[in-house]
């Protein structure tokens, strides 16, 4: 799963009309089972990183 961030970037000084901006991306998964597997992997990865930061007691992680 890889998101092509370039398609969402706006160059500095460039005018942006949100009405013309795409609001949908193509799916990253082939089926519902594939999606759930991918989601489970990401949750596990995020959880382990969060535990690492919590144990360090110095940094925070904000995900939007």
PDB file of N, CA and C in Angstrom:
ATOM      1  N   UNK A   1       0.838  -1.164   0.000  1.00  0.00           N
ATOM      2  CA  UNK A   1       0.000   0.000   0.000  1.00  0.00           C
ATOM      3  C   UNK A   1       0.888   1.234   0.000  1.00  0.00           C
ATOM      4  N   UNK A   2       0.712   2.059  -0.988  1.00  0.00           N
ATOM      5  CA  UNK A   2       1.514   3.271  -1.068  1.00  0.00           C
ATOM      6  C   UNK A   2       0.651   4.403  -1.605  1.00  0.00           C
ATOM      7  N   UNK A   3       0.622   5.471  -0.867  1.00  0.00           N
ATOM      8  CA  UNK A   3      -0.128   6.653  -1.259  1.00  0.00           C
ATOM      9  C   UNK A   3       0.801   7.567  -2.039  1.00  0.00           C
ATOM     10  N   UNK A   4       0.348   8.029  -3.177  1.00  0.00           N
ATOM     11  CA  UNK A   4       1.154   8.956  -3.980  1.00  0.00           C
ATOM     12  C   UNK A   4       0.860  10.377  -3.499  1.00  0.00           C
ATOM     13  N   UNK A   5       1.675  10.845  -2.566  1.00  0.00           N
ATOM     14  CA  UNK A   5       1.450  12.144  -1.931  1.00  0.00           C
ATOM     15  C   UNK A   5       1.578  13.294  -2.917  1.00  0.00           C
ATOM     16  N   UNK A   6       2.338  13.110  -3.982  1.00  0.00           N
ATOM     17  CA  UNK A   6       2.532  14.200  -4.941  1.00  0.00           C
ATOM     18  C   UNK A   6       1.213  14.678  -5.532  1.00  0.00           C
ATOM     19  N   UNK A   7       0.243  13.787  -5.664  1.00  0.00           N
ATOM     20  CA  UNK A   7      -1.022  14.198  -6.258  1.00  0.00           C
ATOM     21  C   UNK A   7      -1.818  15.109  -5.324  1.00  0.00           C
ATOM     22  N   UNK A   8      -1.416  15.232  -4.069  1.00  0.00           N
ATOM     23  CA  UNK A   8      -2.116  16.081  -3.112  1.00  0.00           C
ATOM     24  C   UNK A   8      -1.327  17.328  -2.736  1.00  0.00           C
ATOM     25  N   UNK A   9      -0.141  17.482  -3.261  1.00  0.00           N
ATOM     26  CA  UNK A   9       0.693  18.631  -2.899  1.00  0.00           C
ATOM     27  C   UNK A   9       0.325  19.865  -3.711  1.00  0.00           C
ATOM     28  N   UNK A  10       0.432  21.002  -3.054  1.00  0.00           N
ATOM     29  CA  UNK A  10       0.224  22.289  -3.705  1.00  0.00           C
ATOM     30  C   UNK A  10       1.530  23.051  -3.555  1.00  0.00           C
ATOM     31  N   UNK A  11       2.070  23.505  -4.665  1.00  0.00           N
ATOM     32  CA  UNK A  11       3.343  24.223  -4.619  1.00  0.00           C
ATOM     33  C   UNK A  11       3.148  25.598  -3.988  1.00  0.00           C
ATOM     34  N   UNK A  12       4.200  26.075  -3.348  1.00  0.00           N
ATOM     35  CA  UNK A  12       4.165  27.376  -2.696  1.00  0.00           C
ATOM     36  C   UNK A  12       3.822  28.457  -3.709  1.00  0.00           C
ATOM     37  N   UNK A  13       2.901  29.322  -3.337  1.00  0.00           N
ATOM     38  CA  UNK A  13       2.489  30.418  -4.200  1.00  0.00           C
ATOM     39  C   UNK A  13       1.430  30.035  -5.218  1.00  0.00           C
ATOM     40  N   UNK A  14       1.133  28.749  -5.350  1.00  0.00           N
ATOM     41  CA  UNK A  14       0.138  28.284  -6.316  1.00  0.00           C
ATOM     42  C   UNK A  14      -1.263  28.482  -5.741  1.00  0.00           C
ATOM     43  N   UNK A  15      -2.178  28.951  -6.577  1.00  0.00           N
ATOM     44  CA  UNK A  15      -3.556  29.133  -6.123  1.00  0.00           C
ATOM     45  C   UNK A  15      -4.273  27.789  -6.187  1.00  0.00           C
ATOM     46  N   UNK A  16      -5.157  27.606  -5.244  1.00  0.00           N
ATOM     47  CA  UNK A  16      -5.856  26.337  -5.136  1.00  0.00           C
ATOM     48  C   UNK A  16      -7.356  26.561  -5.121  1.00  0.00           C
ATOM     49  N   UNK A  17      -8.059  25.838  -5.976  1.00  0.00           N
ATOM     50  CA  UNK A  17      -9.519  25.862  -5.975  1.00  0.00           C
ATOM     51  C   UNK A  17      -9.985  24.479  -5.525  1.00  0.00           C
ATOM     52  N   UNK A  18     -10.464  24.408  -4.298  1.00  0.00           N
ATOM     53  CA  UNK A  18     -10.858  23.121  -3.735  1.00  0.00           C
ATOM     54  C   UNK A  18     -11.956  22.435  -4.533  1.00  0.00           C
ATOM     55  N   UNK A  19     -12.796  23.185  -5.194  1.00  0.00           N
ATOM     56  CA  UNK A  19     -13.871  22.603  -5.987  1.00  0.00           C
ATOM     57  C   UNK A  19     -13.320  21.751  -7.133  1.00  0.00           C
ATOM     58  N   UNK A  20     -12.110  22.048  -7.588  1.00  0.00           N
ATOM     59  CA  UNK A  20     -11.503  21.299  -8.688  1.00  0.00           C
ATOM     60  C   UNK A  20     -10.508  20.252  -8.207  1.00  0.00           C
ATOM     61  N   UNK A  21     -10.317  20.150  -6.910  1.00  0.00           N
ATOM     62  CA  UNK A  21      -9.333  19.231  -6.339  1.00  0.00           C
ATOM     63  C   UNK A  21      -9.969  17.859  -6.145  1.00  0.00           C
ATOM     64  N   UNK A  22      -9.259  16.775  -6.477  1.00  0.00           N
ATOM     65  CA  UNK A  22      -9.843  15.440  -6.290  1.00  0.00           C
ATOM     66  C   UNK A  22     -10.054  15.131  -4.806  1.00  0.00           C
ATOM     67  N   UNK A  23     -11.163  14.495  -4.503  1.00  0.00           N
ATOM     68  CA  UNK A  23     -11.480  14.159  -3.114  1.00  0.00           C
ATOM     69  C   UNK A  23     -11.464  12.655  -2.874  1.00  0.00           C
ATOM     70  N   UNK A  24     -11.156  11.897  -3.889  1.00  0.00           N
ATOM     71  CA  UNK A  24     -11.193  10.453  -3.774  1.00  0.00           C
ATOM     72  C   UNK A  24      -9.932   9.858  -4.385  1.00  0.00           C
ATOM     73  N   UNK A  25      -9.410   8.832  -3.777  1.00  0.00           N
ATOM     74  CA  UNK A  25      -8.261   8.109  -4.313  1.00  0.00           C
ATOM     75  C   UNK A  25      -8.691   6.690  -4.637  1.00  0.00           C
ATOM     76  N   UNK A  26      -7.953   6.043  -5.491  1.00  0.00           N
ATOM     77  CA  UNK A  26      -8.287   4.657  -5.821  1.00  0.00           C
ATOM     78  C   UNK A  26      -8.016   3.773  -4.608  1.00  0.00           C
ATOM     79  N   UNK A  27      -8.772   2.709  -4.443  1.00  0.00           N
ATOM     80  CA  UNK A  27      -8.614   1.840  -3.270  1.00  0.00           C
ATOM     81  C   UNK A  27      -7.225   1.208  -3.208  1.00  0.00           C
ATOM     82  N   UNK A  28      -6.746   0.989  -1.984  1.00  0.00           N
ATOM     83  CA  UNK A  28      -5.443   0.380  -1.767  1.00  0.00           C
ATOM     84  C   UNK A  28      -5.554  -1.121  -1.568  1.00  0.00           C
ATOM     85  N   UNK A  29      -6.729  -1.640  -1.594  1.00  0.00           N
ATOM     86  CA  UNK A  29      -6.932  -3.046  -1.274  1.00  0.00           C
ATOM     87  C   UNK A  29      -7.772  -3.714  -2.359  1.00  0.00           C
ATOM     88  N   UNK A  30      -7.660  -5.023  -2.434  1.00  0.00           N
ATOM     89  CA  UNK A  30      -8.355  -5.791  -3.466  1.00  0.00           C
ATOM     90  C   UNK A  30      -9.710  -6.294  -2.994  1.00  0.00           C
ATOM     91  N   UNK A  31      -9.824  -6.548  -1.691  1.00  0.00           N
ATOM     92  CA  UNK A  31     -11.068  -7.064  -1.137  1.00  0.00           C
ATOM     93  C   UNK A  31     -11.207  -6.603   0.313  1.00  0.00           C
ATOM     94  N   UNK A  32     -12.357  -6.882   0.901  1.00  0.00           N
ATOM     95  CA  UNK A  32     -12.579  -6.514   2.286  1.00  0.00           C
ATOM     96  C   UNK A  32     -11.615  -7.262   3.203  1.00  0.00           C
ATOM     97  N   UNK A  33     -11.357  -8.527   2.912  1.00  0.00           N
ATOM     98  CA  UNK A  33     -10.405  -9.313   3.709  1.00  0.00           C
ATOM     99  C   UNK A  33      -8.995  -8.730   3.609  1.00  0.00           C
ATOM    100  N   UNK A  34      -8.611  -8.324   2.403  1.00  0.00           N
ATOM    101  CA  UNK A  34      -7.298  -7.710   2.191  1.00  0.00           C
ATOM    102  C   UNK A  34      -7.197  -6.405   2.976  1.00  0.00           C
ATOM    103  N   UNK A  35      -8.281  -5.625   2.968  1.00  0.00           N
ATOM    104  CA  UNK A  35      -8.323  -4.364   3.720  1.00  0.00           C
ATOM    105  C   UNK A  35      -8.165  -4.616   5.215  1.00  0.00           C
ATOM    106  N   UNK A  36      -8.899  -5.582   5.744  1.00  0.00           N
ATOM    107  CA  UNK A  36      -8.824  -5.869   7.174  1.00  0.00           C
ATOM    108  C   UNK A  36      -7.440  -6.345   7.583  1.00  0.00           C
ATOM    109  N   UNK A  37      -6.801  -7.143   6.731  1.00  0.00           N
ATOM    110  CA  UNK A  37      -5.436  -7.609   6.993  1.00  0.00           C
ATOM    111  C   UNK A  37      -4.472  -6.419   7.015  1.00  0.00           C
ATOM    112  N   UNK A  38      -4.601  -5.548   6.039  1.00  0.00           N
ATOM    113  CA  UNK A  38      -3.746  -4.368   5.943  1.00  0.00           C
ATOM    114  C   UNK A  38      -3.965  -3.453   7.153  1.00  0.00           C
ATOM    115  N   UNK A  39      -5.219  -3.239   7.523  1.00  0.00           N
ATOM    116  CA  UNK A  39      -5.543  -2.402   8.672  1.00  0.00           C
ATOM    117  C   UNK A  39      -4.953  -2.990   9.948  1.00  0.00           C
ATOM    118  N   UNK A  40      -5.084  -4.293  10.125  1.00  0.00           N
ATOM    119  CA  UNK A  40      -4.550  -4.968  11.311  1.00  0.00           C
ATOM    120  C   UNK A  40      -3.034  -4.770  11.405  1.00  0.00           C
ATOM    121  N   UNK A  41      -2.339  -4.889  10.269  1.00  0.00           N
ATOM    122  CA  UNK A  41      -0.881  -4.695  10.250  1.00  0.00           C
ATOM    123  C   UNK A  41      -0.518  -3.267  10.644  1.00  0.00           C
ATOM    124  N   UNK A  42      -1.257  -2.301  10.128  1.00  0.00           N
ATOM    125  CA  UNK A  42      -0.965  -0.904  10.444  1.00  0.00           C
ATOM    126  C   UNK A  42      -1.257  -0.583  11.910  1.00  0.00           C
ATOM    127  N   UNK A  43      -2.319  -1.148  12.447  1.00  0.00           N
ATOM    128  CA  UNK A  43      -2.648  -0.923  13.854  1.00  0.00           C
ATOM    129  C   UNK A  43      -1.554  -1.504  14.740  1.00  0.00           C
ATOM    130  N   UNK A  44      -1.078  -2.696  14.405  1.00  0.00           N
ATOM    131  CA  UNK A  44       0.004  -3.312  15.183  1.00  0.00           C
ATOM    132  C   UNK A  44       1.272  -2.466  15.120  1.00  0.00           C
ATOM    133  N   UNK A  45       1.607  -1.978  13.931  1.00  0.00           N
ATOM    134  CA  UNK A  45       2.802  -1.156  13.758  1.00  0.00           C
ATOM    135  C   UNK A  45       2.681   0.148  14.550  1.00  0.00           C
ATOM    136  N   UNK A  46       1.541   0.795  14.446  1.00  0.00           N
ATOM    137  CA  UNK A  46       1.319   2.044  15.167  1.00  0.00           C
ATOM    138  C   UNK A  46       1.351   1.813  16.675  1.00  0.00           C
ATOM    139  N   UNK A  47       0.756   0.731  17.119  1.00  0.00           N
ATOM    140  CA  UNK A  47       0.737   0.418  18.543  1.00  0.00           C
ATOM    141  C   UNK A  47       2.143   0.206  19.086  1.00  0.00           C
ATOM    142  N   UNK A  48       2.972  -0.508  18.345  1.00  0.00           N
ATOM    143  CA  UNK A  48       4.344  -0.740  18.806  1.00  0.00           C
ATOM    144  C   UNK A  48       5.143   0.557  18.847  1.00  0.00           C
ATOM    145  N   UNK A  49       4.925   1.425  17.877  1.00  0.00           N
ATOM    146  CA  UNK A  49       5.616   2.726  17.881  1.00  0.00           C
ATOM    147  C   UNK A  49       5.125   3.601  19.032  1.00  0.00           C
ATOM    148  N   UNK A  50       3.826   3.550  19.295  1.00  0.00           N
ATOM    149  CA  UNK A  50       3.272   4.335  20.384  1.00  0.00           C
ATOM    150  C   UNK A  50       3.835   3.848  21.723  1.00  0.00           C
ATOM    151  N   UNK A  51       3.946   2.552  21.901  1.00  0.00           N
ATOM    152  CA  UNK A  51       4.513   2.002  23.134  1.00  0.00           C
ATOM    153  C   UNK A  51       5.969   2.418  23.301  1.00  0.00           C
ATOM    154  N   UNK A  52       6.701   2.461  22.216  1.00  0.00           N
ATOM    155  CA  UNK A  52       8.095   2.886  22.259  1.00  0.00           C
ATOM    156  C   UNK A  52       8.200   4.345  22.718  1.00  0.00           C
ATOM    157  N   UNK A  53       7.358   5.203  22.155  1.00  0.00           N
ATOM    158  CA  UNK A  53       7.373   6.614  22.554  1.00  0.00           C
ATOM    159  C   UNK A  53       6.926   6.776  23.995  1.00  0.00           C
ATOM    160  N   UNK A  54       5.932   6.014  24.403  1.00  0.00           N
ATOM    161  CA  UNK A  54       5.434   6.094  25.778  1.00  0.00           C
ATOM    162  C   UNK A  54       6.523   5.664  26.757  1.00  0.00           C
ATOM    163  N   UNK A  55       7.248   4.604  26.420  1.00  0.00           N
ATOM    164  CA  UNK A  55       8.303   4.106  27.301  1.00  0.00           C
ATOM    165  C   UNK A  55       9.437   5.127  27.417  1.00  0.00           C
ATOM    166  N   UNK A  56       9.684   5.849  26.343  1.00  0.00           N
ATOM    167  CA  UNK A  56      10.764   6.839  26.337  1.00  0.00           C
ATOM    168  C   UNK A  56      10.392   8.056  27.170  1.00  0.00           C
ATOM    169  N   UNK A  57       9.074   8.359  27.246  1.00  0.00           N
ATOM    170  CA  UNK A  57       8.530   9.451  28.053  1.00  0.00           C
ATOM    171  C   UNK A  57       9.134  10.819  27.703  1.00  0.00           C
ATOM    172  N   UNK A  58       9.414  11.015  26.410  1.00  0.00           N
ATOM    173  CA  UNK A  58      10.005  12.285  26.004  1.00  0.00           C
ATOM    174  C   UNK A  58       9.313  12.885  24.788  1.00  0.00           C
ATOM    175  N   UNK A  59       8.825  12.044  23.908  1.00  0.00           N
ATOM    176  CA  UNK A  59       8.242  12.502  22.659  1.00  0.00           C
ATOM    177  C   UNK A  59       6.769  12.144  22.605  1.00  0.00           C
ATOM    178  N   UNK A  60       6.041  12.795  21.682  1.00  0.00           N
ATOM    179  CA  UNK A  60       4.627  12.509  21.477  1.00  0.00           C
ATOM    180  C   UNK A  60       4.403  12.277  19.984  1.00  0.00           C
ATOM    181  N   UNK A  61       3.304  11.649  19.687  1.00  0.00           N
ATOM    182  CA  UNK A  61       2.954  11.360  18.302  1.00  0.00           C
ATOM    183  C   UNK A  61       1.531  11.841  18.068  1.00  0.00           C
ATOM    184  N   UNK A  62       1.335  12.692  17.068  1.00  0.00           N
ATOM    185  CA  UNK A  62       0.022  13.179  16.705  1.00  0.00           C
ATOM    186  C   UNK A  62      -0.296  12.699  15.299  1.00  0.00           C
ATOM    187  N   UNK A  63      -1.367  11.972  15.159  1.00  0.00           N
ATOM    188  CA  UNK A  63      -1.772  11.476  13.842  1.00  0.00           C
ATOM    189  C   UNK A  63      -3.115  12.078  13.505  1.00  0.00           C
ATOM    190  N   UNK A  64      -3.155  12.680  12.348  1.00  0.00           N
ATOM    191  CA  UNK A  64      -4.402  13.324  11.908  1.00  0.00           C
ATOM    192  C   UNK A  64      -4.928  12.582  10.701  1.00  0.00           C
TER     193      UNK A  64
END
